[in-house]
Protein backbone atom coordinates (compact mmCIF):
# COMPACT_ATOMS: atom_id res chain seq x y z
CA MET A 1 -34.17 -2.22 7.41
CA ALA A 2 -34.76 -4.72 10.16
CA LEU A 3 -32.22 -7.57 11.99
CA GLU A 4 -32.31 -10.60 10.14
CA ILE A 5 -30.42 -14.00 10.21
CA THR A 6 -30.07 -14.39 6.84
CA ASP A 7 -28.46 -17.92 6.82
CA TRP A 8 -27.44 -20.17 9.32
CA ASN A 9 -24.10 -22.46 9.50
CA LEU A 10 -24.21 -23.89 13.15
CA LEU A 11 -25.20 -27.32 14.33
CA PRO A 12 -27.79 -28.66 12.37
CA ASN A 13 -30.14 -30.87 15.60
CA GLN A 14 -29.39 -27.54 18.42
CA ARG A 15 -32.13 -25.73 18.86
CA PHE A 16 -30.38 -22.09 19.88
CA PHE A 17 -31.75 -18.78 20.83
CA VAL A 18 -30.33 -15.97 19.07
CA GLN A 19 -30.66 -12.25 20.51
CA LEU A 20 -29.57 -9.65 17.45
CA SER A 21 -29.04 -6.16 18.85
CA ASP A 22 -27.59 -2.76 17.82
CA ASN A 23 -24.46 -1.97 19.46
CA GLY A 24 -24.15 1.25 17.96
CA LEU A 25 -21.14 0.29 15.76
CA GLY A 26 -22.57 -2.87 14.58
CA ILE A 27 -24.88 -5.97 15.26
CA ASP A 28 -24.46 -8.15 18.53
CA ILE A 29 -25.17 -11.67 18.27
CA ASP A 30 -25.93 -13.45 21.44
CA ILE A 31 -26.87 -17.45 21.36
CA PHE A 32 -28.58 -19.31 24.03
CA ASN A 33 -30.02 -22.55 25.15
CA THR A 34 -33.62 -22.09 26.00
CA LYS A 35 -36.39 -19.16 25.62
CA SER A 36 -36.10 -18.68 29.41
CA ASP A 37 -32.46 -17.93 29.56
CA ILE A 38 -32.12 -15.80 26.40
CA ASP A 39 -35.18 -13.33 27.90
CA ALA A 40 -33.04 -13.36 31.22
CA PHE A 41 -29.83 -13.00 29.61
CA ILE A 42 -28.12 -15.53 31.37
CA ASN A 43 -25.98 -19.09 30.70
CA ARG A 44 -25.13 -17.88 27.00
CA VAL A 45 -23.53 -20.65 24.98
CA ALA A 46 -21.97 -18.11 22.34
CA PHE A 47 -21.71 -14.46 21.43
CA GLY A 48 -20.18 -12.47 17.97
CA SER A 49 -20.45 -9.34 16.88
CA THR A 50 -20.54 -7.57 13.06
CA THR A 51 -20.92 -4.67 11.24
CA PHE A 52 -24.07 -3.58 9.98
CA GLY A 53 -25.24 -4.46 6.17
CA THR A 54 -26.85 -7.20 4.07
CA GLY A 55 -26.24 -10.84 4.52
CA VAL A 56 -23.05 -9.63 6.62
CA GLU A 57 -20.98 -12.99 7.44
CA ALA A 58 -20.12 -13.30 11.43
CA LEU A 59 -18.34 -15.69 13.44
CA VAL A 60 -19.57 -16.68 16.83
CA THR A 61 -17.40 -17.45 20.00
CA ALA A 62 -18.20 -20.28 22.65
CA ASP A 63 -19.28 -19.13 26.12
CA SER A 64 -18.51 -20.63 29.31
CA THR A 65 -22.19 -22.39 29.34
CA PRO A 66 -22.31 -25.63 27.47
CA THR A 67 -24.72 -26.26 24.60
CA SER A 68 -27.86 -28.22 25.19
CA SER A 69 -26.81 -31.15 23.30
CA GLY A 70 -23.25 -31.07 25.01
CA ASP A 71 -21.54 -30.62 21.99
CA GLU A 72 -19.09 -27.64 20.94
CA ILE A 73 -19.67 -25.04 18.98
CA SER A 74 -19.10 -25.70 15.27
CA LYS A 75 -19.99 -25.01 11.58
CA PHE A 76 -22.37 -27.46 10.12
CA ASN A 77 -20.61 -27.05 6.93
CA THR A 78 -17.12 -26.72 7.55
CA ASP A 79 -16.31 -25.39 4.00
CA LEU A 80 -18.21 -21.95 4.76
CA SER A 81 -16.18 -19.26 6.31
CA TYR A 82 -19.01 -17.85 8.30
CA ASP A 83 -21.14 -19.19 11.54
CA LEU A 84 -24.52 -17.01 10.29
CA LYS A 85 -25.25 -14.09 8.13
CA VAL A 86 -26.76 -11.23 9.55
CA THR A 87 -28.69 -7.75 8.29
CA GLY A 88 -29.11 -4.41 9.96
CA ALA A 89 -29.10 -1.24 10.25
CA LEU A 90 -28.45 1.67 12.97
CA THR A 91 -31.30 2.08 15.51
CA ASP A 92 -32.89 -0.95 14.10
CA PRO A 93 -34.79 -2.53 17.40
CA LEU A 94 -33.60 -5.49 18.92
CA LYS A 95 -34.66 -9.01 17.56
CA LYS A 96 -34.81 -12.53 18.91
CA PHE A 97 -34.98 -15.58 16.90
CA GLN A 98 -35.26 -19.64 17.55
CA VAL A 99 -33.24 -21.78 14.71
CA GLY A 100 -32.61 -25.02 14.46
CA PRO A 101 -34.85 -28.12 13.56
CA PHE A 102 -37.88 -25.82 14.73
CA THR A 103 -36.98 -22.38 13.45
CA ASP A 104 -38.55 -18.99 12.80
CA LEU A 105 -36.50 -18.20 10.02
CA ASN A 106 -37.99 -18.10 6.34
CA PRO A 107 -38.45 -21.42 4.93
CA ILE A 108 -37.02 -22.13 1.90
CA GLU A 109 -40.24 -22.38 0.10
CA ASP A 110 -41.92 -19.18 -0.20
CA SER A 111 -45.21 -18.61 1.49
CA LEU A 112 -46.74 -17.31 -1.11
CA LEU A 113 -46.53 -20.44 -3.47
CA VAL A 114 -48.11 -22.75 -0.85
CA THR A 115 -51.62 -22.38 -2.23
CA GLU A 116 -52.74 -24.76 -5.04
CA ALA A 117 -53.47 -21.79 -7.37
CA MET A 118 -50.13 -20.23 -7.00
CA ILE A 119 -48.22 -23.79 -7.41
CA GLN A 120 -50.08 -24.46 -10.49
CA ALA A 121 -49.03 -20.86 -11.74
CA ARG A 122 -45.45 -21.35 -11.05
CA ALA A 123 -45.14 -25.21 -12.68
CA THR A 124 -46.66 -23.47 -15.56
CA LEU A 125 -44.11 -20.81 -15.97
CA GLU A 126 -41.47 -22.69 -15.03
CA LEU A 127 -42.98 -25.31 -18.30
CA ASN A 128 -43.12 -22.53 -20.60
CA LYS A 129 -39.73 -21.43 -19.88
CA GLY A 130 -38.62 -24.90 -21.04
CA THR A 131 -40.73 -25.58 -24.13
CA HIS A 132 -40.30 -23.83 -27.34
CA SER A 133 -40.77 -24.62 -31.09
CA SER A 134 -38.56 -24.07 -33.97
CA PHE A 135 -38.88 -23.19 -37.82
CA HIS A 136 -36.67 -22.84 -40.67
CA ARG A 137 -36.67 -20.20 -43.27
CA ASN A 138 -35.07 -18.61 -45.88
CA LEU A 139 -34.14 -15.01 -46.26
CA ARG A 140 -32.80 -12.75 -48.62
CA LEU A 141 -30.80 -9.71 -47.15
CA ASP A 142 -30.34 -6.16 -48.77
CA LYS A 143 -26.77 -6.64 -49.59
CA HIS A 144 -24.04 -8.92 -48.92
CA TYR A 145 -23.16 -8.99 -45.46
CA GLU A 146 -18.82 -10.11 -45.15
CA ALA A 147 -19.08 -10.54 -41.24
CA LEU A 148 -21.71 -13.03 -41.24
CA ASN A 149 -21.22 -16.63 -40.63
CA GLU A 150 -23.08 -19.81 -40.15
CA GLY A 151 -24.28 -20.28 -36.73
CA ASP A 152 -24.19 -16.49 -35.94
CA ILE A 153 -27.09 -15.07 -33.86
CA ILE A 154 -28.75 -12.29 -35.78
CA SER A 155 -31.48 -10.42 -34.88
CA LEU A 156 -33.81 -9.35 -37.81
CA SER A 157 -36.56 -6.50 -37.87
CA SER A 158 -39.19 -6.19 -41.21
CA THR A 159 -42.20 -4.07 -41.53
CA LYS A 160 -42.97 -6.12 -44.30
CA ARG A 161 -42.61 -9.19 -42.50
CA GLY A 162 -43.80 -8.07 -39.08
CA LEU A 163 -40.56 -8.49 -37.34
CA THR A 164 -39.28 -6.61 -34.30
CA ASN A 165 -36.05 -7.73 -33.33
CA GLU A 166 -36.40 -11.53 -33.65
CA LEU A 167 -33.54 -13.81 -32.96
CA ASN A 168 -32.46 -16.00 -36.13
CA ARG A 169 -29.68 -18.60 -36.06
CA ILE A 170 -28.24 -18.86 -39.57
CA GLU A 171 -27.90 -22.67 -40.47
CA SER A 172 -26.20 -21.52 -44.15
CA ILE A 173 -25.66 -18.82 -46.09
CA SER A 174 -25.12 -18.36 -50.14
CA ILE A 175 -24.18 -15.25 -52.10
CA GLU A 176 -26.51 -14.36 -55.28
CA VAL A 177 -24.78 -12.06 -57.53
CA VAL A 178 -26.96 -10.25 -60.13
CA GLN A 179 -25.94 -7.79 -62.88
CA ASN A 180 -28.34 -5.26 -64.29
CA GLU A 181 -28.38 -4.36 -67.92
CA ASP A 182 -25.48 -1.39 -67.55
CA GLY A 183 -23.20 -4.38 -66.06
CA GLU A 184 -23.19 -3.12 -62.66
CA VAL A 185 -23.18 -6.29 -60.21
CA SER A 186 -24.73 -6.33 -56.83
CA MET A 187 -24.50 -8.75 -54.15
CA PHE A 188 -27.05 -10.28 -52.07
CA ASP A 189 -26.95 -12.39 -48.86
CA ASN A 190 -29.50 -15.49 -48.83
CA ILE A 191 -29.34 -17.22 -45.72
CA ASP A 192 -31.50 -19.96 -44.02
CA VAL A 193 -32.19 -19.40 -40.75
CA THR A 194 -33.63 -21.14 -37.71
CA VAL A 195 -36.26 -19.15 -35.40
CA PHE A 196 -37.16 -20.43 -31.96
CA GLU A 197 -40.58 -19.98 -30.54
CA ASP A 198 -41.80 -20.02 -27.01
CA VAL A 199 -44.85 -22.43 -26.56
CA VAL A 200 -47.12 -21.12 -23.72
CA ARG A 201 -49.79 -23.27 -21.97
């Protein structure tokens, strides 16, 4: 694990320089206006600390130095309970970040999807996930199943039909009654089902 900022909920149009460090018991957070300030560890704008962990919520307290914009330290989204979320573990090395309008936090879009080939592959996957066809068929089951109802989703397997755990939706059910020469009566379900199949481009 490494010290990381995983979410940021402070003034949206203010550039800040943030230092995360291991204090032995948790993660120290120190915020500055400029790179020179963070490098010299002077003129701190805000500070805070939190426990080790992944995506741990943290709050910061304004220090004596005003922000570059002159605004008070405040939340961007006041409905959220944290100022930032951090990740880290004991002995993780100190790490510095630039956050704000020009940030070195990971962007929303994954860099792996920036290439044309990856964008096309991702788009094809999304289309395939939402594209399907349906067909209907009638099946005669081996007996009468009292628990079956219209609208149920059932999983069918059949060696003869080459089916393995195929999901079907029951549209209608009829009961077939057969009497043999000895007078024995057997009941079978005939079900009309709909099967949905993915259409892959």
